Amino acid sequence: MHIDIYHDTVCPWCRVGKRNLQVALESWQGEPITISYKTFFLNEGIPPDGEDFRTLMAEKGGGRIPLETMFDGPRRAGERVGLNFNFEAITRAPNTTLSHQLIALTPEAHKVAVIDAIYKAYFEDAKDIGRLDVLIDIAREIGLDAADLETRLAAGEMHEEILTEAHDAHGMGITGVPFFIFNGLYAMSGAQPPAAFTNVLQQIVERTEGITTS
């Protein structure tokens, strides 16, 4: 089975959804599962050097929802699966283009580690993941060839590819993330709990077996 995950690196629910799926897969005893991570931009118009975080979040809430209320949901959901969110420390809302390029350039064996490190850098360490130097430090800490990746990112490698992914997501009607597509046929949105993922996986297996034996 294959799962495409559309996500953005500044999306707290994407971080929670990814972990919830991971928890479900740890006890999954069915067929092998492969995962691809696809680009989605929550804030397409954000400038390259980012924006003030609290101002942007207040605008998203229309000035009617207190920021702490907005942060409370993902914070509580994260705590249930061992994730910390330090929203109070974040000052910049970054443009996430470079972070998606880094993910796209990362060898498959290290991709999950890089994604987790990017999420941690932003949500726990309040680092500006729109900056090239911050991303290169992340790559170096993971054990990747930082000099090579810096050259490739500076040259714009994978830029068009991630823009195409984001464009295709909108073409499929995806308006929010995380968004999960199973075997190119079945979709699920939101940071569903681990049990929901297990249930969907089992249903897909049963449907596939039913088609095969009919």
C-alpha atoms as a PDB file:
ATOM      1  CA  MET A   1       0.000   0.000   0.000  1.00  0.00           C
ATOM      2  CA  HIS A   2       1.174   3.528  -0.704  1.00  0.00           C
ATOM      3  CA  ILE A   3       0.274   6.745   1.114  1.00  0.00           C
ATOM      4  CA  ASP A   4       0.802  10.268  -0.243  1.00  0.00           C
ATOM      5  CA  ILE A   5       0.874  12.873   2.521  1.00  0.00           C
ATOM      6  CA  TYR A   6       0.297  16.499   1.598  1.00  0.00           C
ATOM      7  CA  HIS A   7       1.729  18.740   4.297  1.00  0.00           C
ATOM      8  CA  ASP A   8       3.352  22.053   5.096  1.00  0.00           C
ATOM      9  CA  THR A   9       6.296  22.453   7.429  1.00  0.00           C
ATOM     10  CA  VAL A  10       4.608  25.225   9.449  1.00  0.00           C
ATOM     11  CA  CYS A  11       1.413  23.230   9.948  1.00  0.00           C
ATOM     12  CA  PRO A  12       1.122  21.976  13.548  1.00  0.00           C
ATOM     13  CA  TRP A  13      -1.691  19.596  12.621  1.00  0.00           C
ATOM     14  CA  CYS A  14       0.521  18.100   9.905  1.00  0.00           C
ATOM     15  CA  ARG A  15       3.128  17.320  12.542  1.00  0.00           C
ATOM     16  CA  VAL A  16       0.491  15.719  14.770  1.00  0.00           C
ATOM     17  CA  GLY A  17      -1.085  13.805  11.856  1.00  0.00           C
ATOM     18  CA  LYS A  18       2.282  12.450  10.775  1.00  0.00           C
ATOM     19  CA  ARG A  19       3.000  11.208  14.306  1.00  0.00           C
ATOM     20  CA  ASN A  20      -0.474   9.682  14.646  1.00  0.00           C
ATOM     21  CA  LEU A  21       0.046   7.749  11.409  1.00  0.00           C
ATOM     22  CA  GLN A  22       3.446   6.621  12.658  1.00  0.00           C
ATOM     23  CA  VAL A  23       1.867   5.340  15.884  1.00  0.00           C
ATOM     24  CA  ALA A  24      -0.717   3.415  13.860  1.00  0.00           C
ATOM     25  CA  LEU A  25       1.944   1.888  11.623  1.00  0.00           C
ATOM     26  CA  GLU A  26       3.995   0.711  14.600  1.00  0.00           C
ATOM     27  CA  SER A  27       1.287  -1.853  15.368  1.00  0.00           C
ATOM     28  CA  TRP A  28       0.199  -2.483  11.764  1.00  0.00           C
ATOM     29  CA  GLN A  29       0.652  -6.130  10.789  1.00  0.00           C
ATOM     30  CA  GLY A  30      -0.806  -5.966   7.298  1.00  0.00           C
ATOM     31  CA  GLU A  31       0.901  -5.448   3.964  1.00  0.00           C
ATOM     32  CA  PRO A  32       3.988  -3.223   3.698  1.00  0.00           C
ATOM     33  CA  ILE A  33       3.328   0.501   3.399  1.00  0.00           C
ATOM     34  CA  THR A  34       5.342   3.137   1.577  1.00  0.00           C
ATOM     35  CA  ILE A  35       4.952   6.886   2.081  1.00  0.00           C
ATOM     36  CA  SER A  36       5.628   9.940  -0.077  1.00  0.00           C
ATOM     37  CA  TYR A  37       5.556  13.491   1.245  1.00  0.00           C
ATOM     38  CA  LYS A  38       3.989  16.109  -1.020  1.00  0.00           C
ATOM     39  CA  THR A  39       4.156  19.890  -0.889  1.00  0.00           C
ATOM     40  CA  PHE A  40       1.325  22.146   0.184  1.00  0.00           C
ATOM     41  CA  PHE A  41       1.581  25.843   1.033  1.00  0.00           C
ATOM     42  CA  LEU A  42      -0.651  27.157   3.792  1.00  0.00           C
ATOM     43  CA  ASN A  43       0.576  30.703   3.130  1.00  0.00           C
ATOM     44  CA  GLU A  44       1.409  30.980  -0.557  1.00  0.00           C
ATOM     45  CA  GLY A  45       1.830  34.739  -0.568  1.00  0.00           C
ATOM     46  CA  ILE A  46       4.229  34.967   2.342  1.00  0.00           C
ATOM     47  CA  PRO A  47       7.406  36.905   1.396  1.00  0.00           C
ATOM     48  CA  PRO A  48      10.791  35.149   1.214  1.00  0.00           C
ATOM     49  CA  ASP A  49      11.902  36.633   4.535  1.00  0.00           C
ATOM     50  CA  GLY A  50       8.653  35.695   6.257  1.00  0.00           C
ATOM     51  CA  GLU A  51       6.218  37.731   8.334  1.00  0.00           C
ATOM     52  CA  ASP A  52       5.582  38.472  11.971  1.00  0.00           C
ATOM     53  CA  PHE A  53       4.154  35.263  13.402  1.00  0.00           C
ATOM     54  CA  ARG A  54       1.647  36.623  15.880  1.00  0.00           C
ATOM     55  CA  THR A  55       0.319  39.203  13.423  1.00  0.00           C
ATOM     56  CA  LEU A  56      -0.224  36.540  10.771  1.00  0.00           C
ATOM     57  CA  MET A  57      -1.938  34.173  13.190  1.00  0.00           C
ATOM     58  CA  ALA A  58      -4.207  36.944  14.483  1.00  0.00           C
ATOM     59  CA  GLU A  59      -5.218  37.691  10.900  1.00  0.00           C
ATOM     60  CA  LYS A  60      -6.018  34.022  10.336  1.00  0.00           C
ATOM     61  CA  GLY A  61      -8.310  34.133  13.339  1.00  0.00           C
ATOM     62  CA  GLY A  62      -9.997  37.230  12.008  1.00  0.00           C
ATOM     63  CA  GLY A  63      -9.159  39.036  15.217  1.00  0.00           C
ATOM     64  CA  ARG A  64     -11.939  37.114  16.955  1.00  0.00           C
ATOM     65  CA  ILE A  65     -10.066  34.071  18.272  1.00  0.00           C
ATOM     66  CA  PRO A  66      -7.449  34.527  21.023  1.00  0.00           C
ATOM     67  CA  LEU A  67      -4.087  33.133  19.930  1.00  0.00           C
ATOM     68  CA  GLU A  68      -3.867  30.867  22.958  1.00  0.00           C
ATOM     69  CA  THR A  69      -7.166  29.308  21.933  1.00  0.00           C
ATOM     70  CA  MET A  70      -5.789  28.676  18.444  1.00  0.00           C
ATOM     71  CA  PHE A  71      -2.665  27.087  19.889  1.00  0.00           C
ATOM     72  CA  ASP A  72      -4.439  24.970  22.482  1.00  0.00           C
ATOM     73  CA  GLY A  73      -5.797  22.307  20.090  1.00  0.00           C
ATOM     74  CA  PRO A  74      -2.523  21.234  18.466  1.00  0.00           C
ATOM     75  CA  ARG A  75      -0.680  21.611  21.771  1.00  0.00           C
ATOM     76  CA  ARG A  76      -3.018  19.149  23.515  1.00  0.00           C
ATOM     77  CA  ALA A  77      -3.072  16.764  20.532  1.00  0.00           C
ATOM     78  CA  GLY A  78       0.716  16.852  20.414  1.00  0.00           C
ATOM     79  CA  GLU A  79       1.055  16.066  24.105  1.00  0.00           C
ATOM     80  CA  ARG A  80      -0.920  12.868  23.595  1.00  0.00           C
ATOM     81  CA  VAL A  81       1.762  11.524  21.225  1.00  0.00           C
ATOM     82  CA  GLY A  82       4.871  13.045  22.789  1.00  0.00           C
ATOM     83  CA  LEU A  83       5.153  16.237  20.701  1.00  0.00           C
ATOM     84  CA  ASN A  84       5.884  19.656  22.174  1.00  0.00           C
ATOM     85  CA  PHE A  85       4.773  22.977  20.691  1.00  0.00           C
ATOM     86  CA  ASN A  86       6.438  26.174  21.878  1.00  0.00           C
ATOM     87  CA  PHE A  87       4.207  28.655  20.050  1.00  0.00           C
ATOM     88  CA  GLU A  88       5.046  31.503  22.436  1.00  0.00           C
ATOM     89  CA  ALA A  89       8.684  31.489  21.332  1.00  0.00           C
ATOM     90  CA  ILE A  90       7.983  31.706  17.582  1.00  0.00           C
ATOM     91  CA  THR A  91       8.519  35.190  16.157  1.00  0.00           C
ATOM     92  CA  ARG A  92       8.652  34.649  12.385  1.00  0.00           C
ATOM     93  CA  ALA A  93       6.169  32.910  10.115  1.00  0.00           C
ATOM     94  CA  PRO A  94       8.525  31.661   7.392  1.00  0.00           C
ATOM     95  CA  ASN A  95       8.151  31.055   3.700  1.00  0.00           C
ATOM     96  CA  THR A  96       8.368  27.259   3.508  1.00  0.00           C
ATOM     97  CA  THR A  97       9.581  26.868  -0.073  1.00  0.00           C
ATOM     98  CA  LEU A  98      13.197  26.101   0.823  1.00  0.00           C
ATOM     99  CA  SER A  99      12.193  23.607   3.496  1.00  0.00           C
ATOM    100  CA  HIS A 100      10.123  21.663   0.964  1.00  0.00           C
ATOM    101  CA  GLN A 101      13.028  21.761  -1.477  1.00  0.00           C
ATOM    102  CA  LEU A 102      15.319  20.329   1.192  1.00  0.00           C
ATOM    103  CA  ILE A 103      12.844  17.514   1.868  1.00  0.00           C
ATOM    104  CA  ALA A 104      12.622  16.777  -1.859  1.00  0.00           C
ATOM    105  CA  LEU A 105      16.424  16.656  -2.159  1.00  0.00           C
ATOM    106  CA  THR A 106      16.916  14.438   0.880  1.00  0.00           C
ATOM    107  CA  PRO A 107      17.634  10.745   0.166  1.00  0.00           C
ATOM    108  CA  GLU A 108      14.673   8.528   0.994  1.00  0.00           C
ATOM    109  CA  ALA A 109      16.439   6.853   3.914  1.00  0.00           C
ATOM    110  CA  HIS A 110      16.795  10.202   5.711  1.00  0.00           C
ATOM    111  CA  LYS A 111      13.611  11.966   4.622  1.00  0.00           C
ATOM    112  CA  VAL A 112      11.549  11.260   7.742  1.00  0.00           C
ATOM    113  CA  ALA A 113      14.401  12.370   9.992  1.00  0.00           C
ATOM    114  CA  VAL A 114      14.736  15.636   8.081  1.00  0.00           C
ATOM    115  CA  ILE A 115      11.000  16.330   8.222  1.00  0.00           C
ATOM    116  CA  ASP A 116      10.913  15.633  11.965  1.00  0.00           C
ATOM    117  CA  ALA A 117      13.962  17.867  12.481  1.00  0.00           C
ATOM    118  CA  ILE A 118      12.376  20.716  10.516  1.00  0.00           C
ATOM    119  CA  TYR A 119       9.198  20.456  12.563  1.00  0.00           C
ATOM    120  CA  LYS A 120      11.188  20.430  15.801  1.00  0.00           C
ATOM    121  CA  ALA A 121      13.337  23.361  14.732  1.00  0.00           C
ATOM    122  CA  TYR A 122      10.269  25.468  14.069  1.00  0.00           C
ATOM    123  CA  PHE A 123       7.743  24.379  16.669  1.00  0.00           C
ATOM    124  CA  GLU A 124      10.070  23.673  19.597  1.00  0.00           C
ATOM    125  CA  ASP A 125      13.218  25.708  18.970  1.00  0.00           C
ATOM    126  CA  ALA A 126      11.448  28.660  17.255  1.00  0.00           C
ATOM    127  CA  LYS A 127      13.990  28.733  14.413  1.00  0.00           C
ATOM    128  CA  ASP A 128      13.258  30.445  11.108  1.00  0.00           C
ATOM    129  CA  ILE A 129      13.026  27.457   8.766  1.00  0.00           C
ATOM    130  CA  GLY A 130      12.726  29.788   5.802  1.00  0.00           C
ATOM    131  CA  ARG A 131      16.447  30.571   6.111  1.00  0.00           C
ATOM    132  CA  LEU A 132      18.971  28.611   4.105  1.00  0.00           C
ATOM    133  CA  ASP A 133      21.552  28.540   6.902  1.00  0.00           C
ATOM    134  CA  VAL A 134      19.015  27.102   9.379  1.00  0.00           C
ATOM    135  CA  LEU A 135      18.045  24.345   6.960  1.00  0.00           C
ATOM    136  CA  ILE A 136      21.662  23.518   6.184  1.00  0.00           C
ATOM    137  CA  ASP A 137      22.385  23.189   9.900  1.00  0.00           C
ATOM    138  CA  ILE A 138      19.477  20.740  10.131  1.00  0.00           C
ATOM    139  CA  ALA A 139      20.857  18.721   7.221  1.00  0.00           C
ATOM    140  CA  ARG A 140      24.305  18.667   8.806  1.00  0.00           C
ATOM    141  CA  GLU A 141      22.941  17.467  12.153  1.00  0.00           C
ATOM    142  CA  ILE A 142      21.135  14.623  10.379  1.00  0.00           C
ATOM    143  CA  GLY A 143      24.433  13.576   8.806  1.00  0.00           C
ATOM    144  CA  LEU A 144      23.767  14.690   5.238  1.00  0.00           C
ATOM    145  CA  ASP A 145      26.254  16.345   2.894  1.00  0.00           C
ATOM    146  CA  ALA A 146      25.489  19.915   3.932  1.00  0.00           C
ATOM    147  CA  ALA A 147      27.836  21.571   1.428  1.00  0.00           C
ATOM    148  CA  ASP A 148      26.273  19.700  -1.491  1.00  0.00           C
ATOM    149  CA  LEU A 149      22.740  20.467  -0.355  1.00  0.00           C
ATOM    150  CA  GLU A 150      23.547  24.134   0.168  1.00  0.00           C
ATOM    151  CA  THR A 151      24.828  24.386  -3.393  1.00  0.00           C
ATOM    152  CA  ARG A 152      21.789  22.632  -4.806  1.00  0.00           C
ATOM    153  CA  LEU A 153      19.309  24.655  -2.771  1.00  0.00           C
ATOM    154  CA  ALA A 154      21.034  27.925  -3.695  1.00  0.00           C
ATOM    155  CA  ALA A 155      20.763  26.868  -7.349  1.00  0.00           C
ATOM    156  CA  GLY A 156      17.013  26.373  -6.992  1.00  0.00           C
ATOM    157  CA  GLU A 157      17.042  22.618  -7.486  1.00  0.00           C
ATOM    158  CA  MET A 158      13.611  20.979  -7.019  1.00  0.00           C
ATOM    159  CA  HIS A 159      11.942  24.400  -6.894  1.00  0.00           C
ATOM    160  CA  GLU A 160       9.738  23.812  -9.920  1.00  0.00           C
ATOM    161  CA  GLU A 161       8.928  20.285  -8.793  1.00  0.00           C
ATOM    162  CA  ILE A 162       7.541  21.353  -5.410  1.00  0.00           C
ATOM    163  CA  LEU A 163       5.550  24.172  -7.002  1.00  0.00           C
ATOM    164  CA  THR A 164       4.026  21.601  -9.337  1.00  0.00           C
ATOM    165  CA  GLU A 165       3.112  19.380  -6.376  1.00  0.00           C
ATOM    166  CA  ALA A 166       1.401  22.282  -4.630  1.00  0.00           C
ATOM    167  CA  HIS A 167      -0.416  23.253  -7.842  1.00  0.00           C
ATOM    168  CA  ASP A 168      -1.560  19.666  -8.370  1.00  0.00           C
ATOM    169  CA  ALA A 169      -2.877  19.545  -4.797  1.00  0.00           C
ATOM    170  CA  HIS A 170      -5.163  22.489  -5.483  1.00  0.00           C
ATOM    171  CA  GLY A 171      -6.187  20.873  -8.763  1.00  0.00           C
ATOM    172  CA  MET A 172      -7.333  17.825  -6.811  1.00  0.00           C
ATOM    173  CA  GLY A 173      -9.435  19.996  -4.557  1.00  0.00           C
ATOM    174  CA  ILE A 174      -7.165  19.834  -1.515  1.00  0.00           C
ATOM    175  CA  THR A 175      -7.742  22.986   0.510  1.00  0.00           C
ATOM    176  CA  GLY A 176      -6.154  22.038   3.816  1.00  0.00           C
ATOM    177  CA  VAL A 177      -3.551  19.761   5.310  1.00  0.00           C
ATOM    178  CA  PRO A 178      -2.627  17.218   6.445  1.00  0.00           C
ATOM    179  CA  PHE A 179      -4.260  15.301   3.621  1.00  0.00           C
ATOM    180  CA  PHE A 180      -3.658  11.595   3.083  1.00  0.00           C
ATOM    181  CA  ILE A 181      -4.264   9.673  -0.151  1.00  0.00           C
ATOM    182  CA  PHE A 182      -4.145   5.877   0.039  1.00  0.00           C
ATOM    183  CA  ASN A 183      -3.236   3.934  -3.116  1.00  0.00           C
ATOM    184  CA  GLY A 184      -4.264   6.936  -5.175  1.00  0.00           C
ATOM    185  CA  LEU A 185      -7.929   6.129  -4.501  1.00  0.00           C
ATOM    186  CA  TYR A 186      -8.951   6.799  -0.917  1.00  0.00           C
ATOM    187  CA  ALA A 187      -8.517  10.095   0.915  1.00  0.00           C
ATOM    188  CA  MET A 188      -8.578  11.253   4.508  1.00  0.00           C
ATOM    189  CA  SER A 189      -7.997  14.750   5.847  1.00  0.00           C
ATOM    190  CA  GLY A 190      -6.942  16.097   9.191  1.00  0.00           C
ATOM    191  CA  ALA A 191      -4.806  14.897  12.070  1.00  0.00           C
ATOM    192  CA  GLN A 192      -6.941  11.854  12.791  1.00  0.00           C
ATOM    193  CA  PRO A 193      -6.117   9.687  15.830  1.00  0.00           C
ATOM    194  CA  PRO A 194      -4.038   6.525  15.331  1.00  0.00           C
ATOM    195  CA  ALA A 195      -7.116   4.296  15.547  1.00  0.00           C
ATOM    196  CA  ALA A 196      -8.688   6.121  12.599  1.00  0.00           C
ATOM    197  CA  PHE A 197      -5.637   5.394  10.448  1.00  0.00           C
ATOM    198  CA  THR A 198      -5.680   1.739  11.459  1.00  0.00           C
ATOM    199  CA  ASN A 199      -9.351   1.536  10.560  1.00  0.00           C
ATOM    200  CA  VAL A 200      -8.824   3.090   7.126  1.00  0.00           C
ATOM    201  CA  LEU A 201      -5.876   0.797   6.367  1.00  0.00           C
ATOM    202  CA  GLN A 202      -7.916  -2.255   7.303  1.00  0.00           C
ATOM    203  CA  GLN A 203     -10.893  -1.137   5.219  1.00  0.00           C
ATOM    204  CA  ILE A 204      -8.682  -0.637   2.174  1.00  0.00           C
ATOM    205  CA  VAL A 205      -7.174  -4.097   2.581  1.00  0.00           C
ATOM    206  CA  GLU A 206     -10.639  -5.649   2.874  1.00  0.00           C
ATOM    207  CA  ARG A 207     -11.925  -3.803  -0.182  1.00  0.00           C
ATOM    208  CA  THR A 208      -8.863  -4.795  -2.185  1.00  0.00           C
ATOM    209  CA  GLU A 209      -9.236  -8.430  -1.174  1.00  0.00           C
ATOM    210  CA  GLY A 210     -12.928  -8.300  -2.082  1.00  0.00           C
ATOM    211  CA  ILE A 211     -12.130  -6.974  -5.548  1.00  0.00           C
ATOM    212  CA  THR A 212      -9.436  -9.592  -6.034  1.00  0.00           C
ATOM    213  CA  THR A 213     -11.662 -12.516  -5.085  1.00  0.00           C
ATOM    214  CA  SER A 214     -14.787 -11.364  -6.909  1.00  0.00           C
END
